C-alpha atoms as a PDB file:
ATOM      1  CA  MET A   1      -7.683-137.298 132.175  1.00  0.00           C
ATOM      2  CA  ALA A   2     -11.144-135.951 132.753  1.00  0.00           C
ATOM      3  CA  ASN A   3     -10.028-134.758 136.160  1.00  0.00           C
ATOM      4  CA  GLY A   4      -7.775-131.790 135.524  1.00  0.00           C
ATOM      5  CA  GLY A   5      -5.803-132.254 138.699  1.00  0.00           C
ATOM      6  CA  VAL A   6      -4.774-129.714 141.293  1.00  0.00           C
ATOM      7  CA  PHE A   7      -1.656-128.213 139.844  1.00  0.00           C
ATOM      8  CA  GLY A   8      -3.128-126.160 137.044  1.00  0.00           C
ATOM      9  CA  GLN A   9       0.041-124.398 135.957  1.00  0.00           C
ATOM     10  CA  GLN A  10       1.970-127.640 135.680  1.00  0.00           C
ATOM     11  CA  ARG A  11      -0.889-129.289 133.811  1.00  0.00           C
ATOM     12  CA  VAL A  12      -0.843-126.504 131.184  1.00  0.00           C
ATOM     13  CA  GLY A  13       2.919-126.843 130.836  1.00  0.00           C
ATOM     14  CA  TRP A  14       2.865-130.567 130.204  1.00  0.00           C
ATOM     15  CA  GLY A  15      -0.138-130.115 127.957  1.00  0.00           C
ATOM     16  CA  PHE A  16       2.058-127.841 125.828  1.00  0.00           C
ATOM     17  CA  PHE A  17       4.745-130.524 125.723  1.00  0.00           C
ATOM     18  CA  GLY A  18       2.150-133.048 124.558  1.00  0.00           C
ATOM     19  CA  THR A  19       0.673-130.773 121.910  1.00  0.00           C
ATOM     20  CA  GLU A  20       4.095-130.039 120.462  1.00  0.00           C
ATOM     21  CA  LEU A  21       4.970-133.730 120.488  1.00  0.00           C
ATOM     22  CA  LYS A  22       1.837-134.589 118.511  1.00  0.00           C
ATOM     23  CA  ILE A  23       2.523-131.849 115.948  1.00  0.00           C
ATOM     24  CA  ARG A  24       6.137-132.943 115.422  1.00  0.00           C
ATOM     25  CA  ARG A  25       5.258-136.654 115.350  1.00  0.00           C
ATOM     26  CA  GLU A  26       2.538-136.204 112.755  1.00  0.00           C
ATOM     27  CA  GLY A  27       4.845-133.921 110.770  1.00  0.00           C
ATOM     28  CA  ALA A  28       7.341-136.772 110.666  1.00  0.00           C
ATOM     29  CA  GLY A  29       4.631-139.118 109.368  1.00  0.00           C
ATOM     30  CA  LEU A  30       4.820-141.437 112.388  1.00  0.00           C
ATOM     31  CA  THR A  31       2.022-143.103 114.326  1.00  0.00           C
ATOM     32  CA  GLN A  32       2.164-143.235 118.103  1.00  0.00           C
ATOM     33  CA  GLN A  33       3.107-146.899 117.897  1.00  0.00           C
ATOM     34  CA  GLU A  34       5.926-146.210 115.415  1.00  0.00           C
ATOM     35  CA  LEU A  35       7.422-143.432 117.511  1.00  0.00           C
ATOM     36  CA  GLY A  36       7.059-145.520 120.663  1.00  0.00           C
ATOM     37  CA  ALA A  37       9.013-148.368 119.047  1.00  0.00           C
ATOM     38  CA  LYS A  38      11.818-145.966 118.138  1.00  0.00           C
ATOM     39  CA  VAL A  39      12.148-144.501 121.630  1.00  0.00           C
ATOM     40  CA  PHE A  40      11.630-147.799 123.500  1.00  0.00           C
ATOM     41  CA  CYS A  41       8.189-147.290 124.985  1.00  0.00           C
ATOM     42  CA  SER A  42       4.668-148.275 123.971  1.00  0.00           C
ATOM     43  CA  GLY A  43       2.460-146.347 121.592  1.00  0.00           C
ATOM     44  CA  SER A  44      -0.053-145.903 124.396  1.00  0.00           C
ATOM     45  CA  TYR A  45       2.609-144.097 126.432  1.00  0.00           C
ATOM     46  CA  ILE A  46       3.216-141.722 123.533  1.00  0.00           C
ATOM     47  CA  GLY A  47      -0.537-141.098 123.556  1.00  0.00           C
ATOM     48  CA  GLN A  48      -0.424-140.344 127.281  1.00  0.00           C
ATOM     49  CA  PHE A  49       2.472-137.924 126.769  1.00  0.00           C
ATOM     50  CA  GLU A  50       0.534-136.161 124.037  1.00  0.00           C
ATOM     51  CA  ALA A  51      -2.613-135.946 126.180  1.00  0.00           C
ATOM     52  CA  GLY A  52      -0.666-134.495 129.122  1.00  0.00           C
ATOM     53  CA  ILE A  53      -1.599-137.459 131.293  1.00  0.00           C
ATOM     54  CA  ARG A  54       1.959-138.568 131.977  1.00  0.00           C
ATOM     55  CA  ARG A  55       5.394-136.996 131.807  1.00  0.00           C
ATOM     56  CA  PRO A  56       8.173-138.718 129.868  1.00  0.00           C
ATOM     57  CA  GLN A  57      11.377-139.671 131.602  1.00  0.00           C
ATOM     58  CA  PRO A  58      14.353-137.483 130.589  1.00  0.00           C
ATOM     59  CA  ASP A  59      15.987-140.264 128.546  1.00  0.00           C
ATOM     60  CA  ILE A  60      12.789-140.663 126.514  1.00  0.00           C
ATOM     61  CA  ALA A  61      12.660-136.914 125.868  1.00  0.00           C
ATOM     62  CA  LYS A  62      16.213-137.120 124.546  1.00  0.00           C
ATOM     63  CA  ARG A  63      15.392-140.079 122.289  1.00  0.00           C
ATOM     64  CA  ILE A  64      12.345-138.235 120.954  1.00  0.00           C
ATOM     65  CA  ASP A  65      14.617-135.354 119.962  1.00  0.00           C
ATOM     66  CA  VAL A  66      16.897-137.778 118.126  1.00  0.00           C
ATOM     67  CA  GLU A  67      14.111-139.598 116.281  1.00  0.00           C
ATOM     68  CA  LEU A  68      12.188-136.454 115.331  1.00  0.00           C
ATOM     69  CA  GLY A  69      15.310-134.414 114.569  1.00  0.00           C
ATOM     70  CA  THR A  70      14.229-131.627 116.914  1.00  0.00           C
ATOM     71  CA  ASP A  71      17.746-130.605 118.030  1.00  0.00           C
ATOM     72  CA  GLY A  72      17.193-130.966 121.775  1.00  0.00           C
ATOM     73  CA  TYR A  73      13.874-129.097 121.780  1.00  0.00           C
ATOM     74  CA  PHE A  74      11.908-131.607 123.884  1.00  0.00           C
ATOM     75  CA  THR A  75      14.805-132.073 126.282  1.00  0.00           C
ATOM     76  CA  ARG A  76      14.938-128.319 126.885  1.00  0.00           C
ATOM     77  CA  VAL A  77      11.158-128.088 127.390  1.00  0.00           C
ATOM     78  CA  TYR A  78      11.299-131.027 129.810  1.00  0.00           C
ATOM     79  CA  GLU A  79      14.092-129.436 131.839  1.00  0.00           C
ATOM     80  CA  GLU A  80      12.300-126.081 131.966  1.00  0.00           C
ATOM     81  CA  LEU A  81       9.084-127.664 133.221  1.00  0.00           C
ATOM     82  CA  ILE A  82      10.953-129.651 135.866  1.00  0.00           C
ATOM     83  CA  LYS A  83      12.733-126.492 137.030  1.00  0.00           C
ATOM     84  CA  GLY A  84       9.331-124.843 137.393  1.00  0.00           C
ATOM     85  CA  SER A  85       8.328-127.357 140.052  1.00  0.00           C
ATOM     86  CA  PRO A  86       8.864-126.310 143.708  1.00  0.00           C
ATOM     87  CA  ASN A  87       9.612-129.943 144.623  1.00  0.00           C
ATOM     88  CA  ALA A  88      12.879-131.862 144.512  1.00  0.00           C
ATOM     89  CA  ASP A  89      13.791-133.113 141.030  1.00  0.00           C
ATOM     90  CA  TRP A  90      13.113-136.749 141.879  1.00  0.00           C
ATOM     91  CA  PHE A  91       9.728-135.902 143.412  1.00  0.00           C
ATOM     92  CA  ALA A  92       8.359-133.473 140.813  1.00  0.00           C
ATOM     93  CA  ASP A  93       6.653-136.192 138.770  1.00  0.00           C
ATOM     94  CA  VAL A  94       5.095-137.685 141.905  1.00  0.00           C
ATOM     95  CA  ALA A  95       3.628-134.359 143.047  1.00  0.00           C
ATOM     96  CA  TYR A  96       2.161-133.885 139.582  1.00  0.00           C
ATOM     97  CA  LEU A  97       0.617-137.358 139.505  1.00  0.00           C
ATOM     98  CA  GLU A  98      -0.909-136.943 142.979  1.00  0.00           C
ATOM     99  CA  GLY A  99      -3.117-134.240 141.524  1.00  0.00           C
ATOM    100  CA  LEU A 100      -4.389-136.618 138.844  1.00  0.00           C
ATOM    101  CA  ALA A 101      -4.777-139.793 140.901  1.00  0.00           C
ATOM    102  CA  ARG A 102      -8.068-141.548 141.558  1.00  0.00           C
ATOM    103  CA  ALA A 103      -6.584-143.293 144.615  1.00  0.00           C
ATOM    104  CA  ILE A 104      -3.374-142.895 146.635  1.00  0.00           C
ATOM    105  CA  GLN A 105      -2.253-145.611 149.023  1.00  0.00           C
ATOM    106  CA  SER A 106       0.888-145.205 151.106  1.00  0.00           C
ATOM    107  CA  TYR A 107       3.022-146.839 153.741  1.00  0.00           C
ATOM    108  CA  ALA A 108       5.017-144.546 156.013  1.00  0.00           C
ATOM    109  CA  PRO A 109       7.773-146.169 158.122  1.00  0.00           C
ATOM    110  CA  THR A 110       9.339-143.063 159.689  1.00  0.00           C
ATOM    111  CA  PHE A 111       7.474-139.792 159.069  1.00  0.00           C
ATOM    112  CA  MET A 112       3.875-138.786 158.545  1.00  0.00           C
ATOM    113  CA  PRO A 113       3.067-138.737 154.795  1.00  0.00           C
ATOM    114  CA  GLY A 114       3.491-135.273 153.296  1.00  0.00           C
ATOM    115  CA  LEU A 115      -0.171-135.026 152.320  1.00  0.00           C
ATOM    116  CA  LEU A 116      -1.125-135.246 156.008  1.00  0.00           C
ATOM    117  CA  GLN A 117       1.601-133.138 157.626  1.00  0.00           C
ATOM    118  CA  THR A 118       0.891-129.968 159.582  1.00  0.00           C
ATOM    119  CA  PRO A 119       3.095-126.919 158.894  1.00  0.00           C
ATOM    120  CA  ALA A 120       4.970-127.306 162.185  1.00  0.00           C
ATOM    121  CA  TYR A 121       5.590-131.010 161.606  1.00  0.00           C
ATOM    122  CA  ALA A 122       6.803-130.392 158.036  1.00  0.00           C
ATOM    123  CA  ARG A 123       9.216-127.706 159.237  1.00  0.00           C
ATOM    124  CA  ALA A 124      10.584-130.054 161.894  1.00  0.00           C
ATOM    125  CA  VAL A 125      11.180-132.781 159.293  1.00  0.00           C
ATOM    126  CA  PHE A 126      12.975-130.428 156.903  1.00  0.00           C
ATOM    127  CA  LEU A 127      15.048-128.896 159.692  1.00  0.00           C
ATOM    128  CA  ALA A 128      16.129-132.333 160.901  1.00  0.00           C
ATOM    129  CA  GLY A 129      17.305-133.332 157.435  1.00  0.00           C
ATOM    130  CA  CYS A 130      18.824-129.965 156.502  1.00  0.00           C
ATOM    131  CA  PRO A 131      20.000-128.361 159.784  1.00  0.00           C
ATOM    132  CA  PHE A 132      22.267-125.846 158.028  1.00  0.00           C
ATOM    133  CA  SER A 133      19.607-124.498 155.670  1.00  0.00           C
ATOM    134  CA  SER A 134      18.278-120.965 156.013  1.00  0.00           C
ATOM    135  CA  ASP A 135      14.842-120.138 157.381  1.00  0.00           C
ATOM    136  CA  ASP A 136      13.798-119.005 153.893  1.00  0.00           C
ATOM    137  CA  GLU A 137      14.756-122.383 152.410  1.00  0.00           C
ATOM    138  CA  ILE A 138      12.863-124.270 155.108  1.00  0.00           C
ATOM    139  CA  GLU A 139       9.779-122.113 154.548  1.00  0.00           C
ATOM    140  CA  THR A 140       9.961-122.580 150.763  1.00  0.00           C
ATOM    141  CA  TRP A 141      10.089-126.369 151.099  1.00  0.00           C
ATOM    142  CA  THR A 142       7.316-126.333 153.684  1.00  0.00           C
ATOM    143  CA  ALA A 143       5.079-124.210 151.466  1.00  0.00           C
ATOM    144  CA  ALA A 144       5.631-126.593 148.529  1.00  0.00           C
ATOM    145  CA  ARG A 145       4.678-129.574 150.674  1.00  0.00           C
ATOM    146  CA  LEU A 146       1.554-127.891 152.014  1.00  0.00           C
ATOM    147  CA  ALA A 147       0.523-126.845 148.488  1.00  0.00           C
ATOM    148  CA  ARG A 148       0.176-130.525 147.595  1.00  0.00           C
ATOM    149  CA  GLN A 149      -2.528-130.809 150.251  1.00  0.00           C
ATOM    150  CA  ARG A 150      -4.955-128.750 148.168  1.00  0.00           C
ATOM    151  CA  LEU A 151      -6.195-132.027 146.744  1.00  0.00           C
ATOM    152  CA  LEU A 152      -7.738-132.714 150.173  1.00  0.00           C
ATOM    153  CA  GLU A 153     -10.216-129.902 149.486  1.00  0.00           C
ATOM    154  CA  ASP A 154     -12.186-132.320 147.310  1.00  0.00           C
ATOM    155  CA  PRO A 155     -14.268-134.322 149.821  1.00  0.00           C
ATOM    156  CA  THR A 156     -14.061-137.619 147.934  1.00  0.00           C
ATOM    157  CA  ARG A 157     -11.193-137.632 145.445  1.00  0.00           C
ATOM    158  CA  PRO A 158      -8.589-138.961 145.515  1.00  0.00           C
ATOM    159  CA  LEU A 159      -9.293-141.882 147.805  1.00  0.00           C
ATOM    160  CA  LEU A 160      -6.528-141.824 150.440  1.00  0.00           C
ATOM    161  CA  TRP A 161      -5.453-144.878 152.415  1.00  0.00           C
ATOM    162  CA  THR A 162      -2.319-144.799 154.525  1.00  0.00           C
ATOM    163  CA  VAL A 163      -0.620-147.301 156.788  1.00  0.00           C
ATOM    164  CA  LEU A 164       1.586-145.708 159.444  1.00  0.00           C
ATOM    165  CA  ASP A 165       4.285-147.672 161.173  1.00  0.00           C
ATOM    166  CA  GLU A 166       3.928-147.234 164.924  1.00  0.00           C
ATOM    167  CA  ASN A 167       7.251-145.362 164.726  1.00  0.00           C
ATOM    168  CA  VAL A 168       5.419-142.493 163.040  1.00  0.00           C
ATOM    169  CA  VAL A 169       3.041-142.160 165.974  1.00  0.00           C
ATOM    170  CA  ARG A 170       5.603-142.629 168.747  1.00  0.00           C
ATOM    171  CA  ARG A 171       8.545-140.587 167.401  1.00  0.00           C
ATOM    172  CA  PRO A 172       8.235-137.053 168.891  1.00  0.00           C
ATOM    173  CA  VAL A 173       9.058-135.075 165.753  1.00  0.00           C
ATOM    174  CA  GLY A 174       9.225-131.408 166.748  1.00  0.00           C
ATOM    175  CA  GLY A 175       8.265-132.126 170.342  1.00  0.00           C
ATOM    176  CA  ALA A 176       5.057-132.909 172.213  1.00  0.00           C
ATOM    177  CA  ALA A 177       3.047-129.882 171.032  1.00  0.00           C
ATOM    178  CA  VAL A 178       3.840-130.497 167.373  1.00  0.00           C
ATOM    179  CA  MET A 179       2.983-134.177 167.675  1.00  0.00           C
ATOM    180  CA  ARG A 180      -0.312-133.525 169.462  1.00  0.00           C
ATOM    181  CA  GLU A 181      -1.342-131.137 166.699  1.00  0.00           C
ATOM    182  CA  GLN A 182      -0.194-133.565 164.001  1.00  0.00           C
ATOM    183  CA  LEU A 183      -2.026-136.571 165.405  1.00  0.00           C
ATOM    184  CA  THR A 184      -5.133-134.478 166.026  1.00  0.00           C
ATOM    185  CA  ARG A 185      -5.137-133.506 162.352  1.00  0.00           C
ATOM    186  CA  VAL A 186      -4.911-137.149 161.288  1.00  0.00           C
ATOM    187  CA  LEU A 187      -7.758-138.069 163.625  1.00  0.00           C
ATOM    188  CA  SER A 188      -9.885-135.246 162.226  1.00  0.00           C
ATOM    189  CA  LEU A 189      -9.320-136.300 158.604  1.00  0.00           C
ATOM    190  CA  ALA A 190     -10.055-139.926 159.454  1.00  0.00           C
ATOM    191  CA  ARG A 191     -13.272-139.083 161.338  1.00  0.00           C
ATOM    192  CA  LYS A 192     -14.415-136.974 158.395  1.00  0.00           C
ATOM    193  CA  ARG A 193     -13.819-140.105 156.296  1.00  0.00           C
ATOM    194  CA  ARG A 194     -11.394-138.177 154.119  1.00  0.00           C
ATOM    195  CA  VAL A 195      -8.591-140.677 154.698  1.00  0.00           C
ATOM    196  CA  MET A 196      -8.446-144.290 155.850  1.00  0.00           C
ATOM    197  CA  VAL A 197      -5.682-144.764 158.423  1.00  0.00           C
ATOM    198  CA  GLN A 198      -4.179-147.937 159.843  1.00  0.00           C
ATOM    199  CA  VAL A 199      -1.220-148.399 162.170  1.00  0.00           C
ATOM    200  CA  LEU A 200       1.280-151.224 161.798  1.00  0.00           C
ATOM    201  CA  PRO A 201       2.067-151.984 165.475  1.00  0.00           C
ATOM    202  CA  TYR A 202       5.392-153.051 166.885  1.00  0.00           C
ATOM    203  CA  SER A 203       3.716-156.309 167.881  1.00  0.00           C
ATOM    204  CA  ALA A 204       3.335-157.222 164.176  1.00  0.00           C
ATOM    205  CA  GLY A 205       7.058-157.996 164.057  1.00  0.00           C
ATOM    206  CA  ALA A 206       9.197-157.406 160.986  1.00  0.00           C
ATOM    207  CA  PRO A 207       7.307-155.330 158.396  1.00  0.00           C
ATOM    208  CA  SER A 208       6.986-156.524 154.807  1.00  0.00           C
ATOM    209  CA  LEU A 209       8.318-153.136 153.671  1.00  0.00           C
ATOM    210  CA  GLU A 210      11.527-151.499 154.793  1.00  0.00           C
ATOM    211  CA  SER A 211      10.986-148.124 153.080  1.00  0.00           C
ATOM    212  CA  MET A 212       8.140-145.807 152.202  1.00  0.00           C
ATOM    213  CA  LEU A 213       5.828-146.789 149.366  1.00  0.00           C
ATOM    214  CA  LYS A 214       3.175-144.840 147.505  1.00  0.00           C
ATOM    215  CA  LEU A 215       0.762-146.451 145.041  1.00  0.00           C
ATOM    216  CA  MET A 216      -1.302-144.308 142.677  1.00  0.00           C
ATOM    217  CA  THR A 217      -4.120-145.379 140.368  1.00  0.00           C
ATOM    218  CA  PHE A 218      -5.800-143.322 137.646  1.00  0.00           C
ATOM    219  CA  ASP A 219      -8.996-143.334 135.629  1.00  0.00           C
ATOM    220  CA  ASP A 220      -7.337-143.601 132.225  1.00  0.00           C
ATOM    221  CA  ALA A 221      -3.698-144.493 132.790  1.00  0.00           C
ATOM    222  CA  PRO A 222      -1.806-147.468 134.281  1.00  0.00           C
ATOM    223  CA  PRO A 223      -0.991-147.438 138.018  1.00  0.00           C
ATOM    224  CA  VAL A 224       2.423-146.384 139.319  1.00  0.00           C
ATOM    225  CA  ALA A 225       4.439-146.998 142.464  1.00  0.00           C
ATOM    226  CA  TYR A 226       6.911-144.674 144.143  1.00  0.00           C
ATOM    227  CA  THR A 227       9.625-145.535 146.634  1.00  0.00           C
ATOM    228  CA  GLU A 228      12.145-143.199 148.225  1.00  0.00           C
ATOM    229  CA  GLY A 229      15.677-143.380 149.560  1.00  0.00           C
ATOM    230  CA  VAL A 230      18.338-140.910 150.664  1.00  0.00           C
ATOM    231  CA  MET A 231      18.100-137.855 148.375  1.00  0.00           C
ATOM    232  CA  SER A 232      16.532-140.011 145.691  1.00  0.00           C
ATOM    233  CA  GLY A 233      13.286-141.563 144.603  1.00  0.00           C
ATOM    234  CA  ALA A 234      12.115-144.129 142.053  1.00  0.00           C
ATOM    235  CA  LEU A 235       8.851-143.829 140.133  1.00  0.00           C
ATOM    236  CA  LEU A 236       7.944-147.310 138.861  1.00  0.00           C
ATOM    237  CA  ASP A 237       5.497-147.926 136.033  1.00  0.00           C
ATOM    238  CA  ASP A 238       6.555-151.374 134.826  1.00  0.00           C
ATOM    239  CA  PRO A 239       3.417-153.501 135.334  1.00  0.00           C
ATOM    240  CA  ALA A 240       5.304-156.398 136.917  1.00  0.00           C
ATOM    241  CA  GLN A 241       7.115-154.124 139.392  1.00  0.00           C
ATOM    242  CA  VAL A 242       3.934-152.271 140.290  1.00  0.00           C
ATOM    243  CA  ALA A 243       2.117-155.572 140.853  1.00  0.00           C
ATOM    244  CA  ARG A 244       4.844-156.732 143.262  1.00  0.00           C
ATOM    245  CA  CYS A 245       4.601-153.419 145.136  1.00  0.00           C
ATOM    246  CA  GLU A 246       0.826-153.805 145.371  1.00  0.00           C
ATOM    247  CA  LEU A 247       1.176-157.300 146.829  1.00  0.00           C
ATOM    248  CA  THR A 248       3.717-156.120 149.398  1.00  0.00           C
ATOM    249  CA  TYR A 249       1.460-153.236 150.372  1.00  0.00           C
ATOM    250  CA  ASP A 250      -1.433-155.652 150.830  1.00  0.00           C
ATOM    251  CA  LEU A 251       0.724-157.711 153.196  1.00  0.00           C
ATOM    252  CA  VAL A 252       1.518-154.630 155.280  1.00  0.00           C
ATOM    253  CA  ARG A 253      -2.125-153.594 155.363  1.00  0.00           C
ATOM    254  CA  ALA A 254      -3.187-157.097 156.422  1.00  0.00           C
ATOM    255  CA  ALA A 255      -0.727-157.017 159.341  1.00  0.00           C
ATOM    256  CA  ALA A 256      -1.868-153.578 160.503  1.00  0.00           C
ATOM    257  CA  LEU A 257      -4.462-152.864 163.164  1.00  0.00           C
ATOM    258  CA  SER A 258      -8.054-152.331 162.078  1.00  0.00           C
ATOM    259  CA  PRO A 259      -9.007-148.713 161.308  1.00  0.00           C
ATOM    260  CA  GLU A 260     -10.938-148.512 164.592  1.00  0.00           C
ATOM    261  CA  ALA A 261      -8.066-149.884 166.690  1.00  0.00           C
ATOM    262  CA  SER A 262      -5.619-147.675 164.791  1.00  0.00           C
ATOM    263  CA  LEU A 263      -7.549-144.510 165.609  1.00  0.00           C
ATOM    264  CA  ALA A 264      -7.742-145.569 169.245  1.00  0.00           C
ATOM    265  CA  LEU A 265      -3.946-145.970 169.342  1.00  0.00           C
ATOM    266  CA  ILE A 266      -3.424-142.585 167.648  1.00  0.00           C
ATOM    267  CA  GLU A 267      -5.875-140.891 170.040  1.00  0.00           C
ATOM    268  CA  SER A 268      -4.107-142.408 173.039  1.00  0.00           C
ATOM    269  CA  ALA A 269      -0.751-141.178 171.747  1.00  0.00           C
ATOM    270  CA  ALA A 270      -2.174-137.685 171.154  1.00  0.00           C
ATOM    271  CA  GLU A 271      -3.457-137.608 174.738  1.00  0.00           C
ATOM    272  CA  GLY A 272      -0.010-138.660 175.923  1.00  0.00           C
ATOM    273  CA  TYR A 273       1.617-135.770 174.063  1.00  0.00           C
ATOM    274  CA  ALA A 274      -0.996-133.375 175.474  1.00  0.00           C
ATOM    275  CA  HIS A 275      -0.109-134.579 178.981  1.00  0.00           C
ATOM    276  CA  GLU A 276       3.577-133.916 178.249  1.00  0.00           C
ATOM    277  CA  GLU A 277       2.700-130.351 177.242  1.00  0.00           C
ATOM    278  CA  ARG A 278       0.983-129.748 180.567  1.00  0.00           C
ATOM    279  CA  THR A 279       3.829-131.100 182.697  1.00  0.00           C
END
């Protein structure tokens, strides 16, 4: 991609993977289409791997080793690059793609999206999910989450649009002071027109989505969708699946409050948390 992304070290690493793949593929006398057919993906995907635009899934890396006779070389490189990521294994690819995305759209049913979290809010989320972890572990995870927010330093890219379930605004994660600071940050980003925010109110009834969803689009690669469960996540790039996710997201967005009404609700909630602090 023309946009080099935020995570420079990771980009270089996957660029190395792609360069080596191209050298070995051409050495084997195979076109991208021919290798893609052998490892059960399209030739264009092989091209994206070679350009460093997209990471292969681990099973594809293993099949590449088999077809090119590279004795586990690409599998080992893949595993080393994944280990170099500060994020959970199932989220490493997502964090990488965020830095390359032209637009990121998300639906958050429970917690504020990681790209918008304050340090105190992030710590509270990690502590709630991992109450027996050490302070050092909590701080390491928090730092990794905050590092992803460097992409917000660009005033226009990526385009960010998030729909928050009203739960996210009303649930006092970390207490009143943490929530006031968190909602104030969201209001600030929205007023700077750095992110578009909508709230899906309780009055909308049953939501079209029951779990978080992130949609990412790129300048020169197909869109992807990401959903998350308990200690797991699924990165979807099948066009039919992504299209269904996009439709469902549109339904959620249509049921949400307008951006203006959403900010008014968030501001009211922030004032309520500020009042709690004073009493």
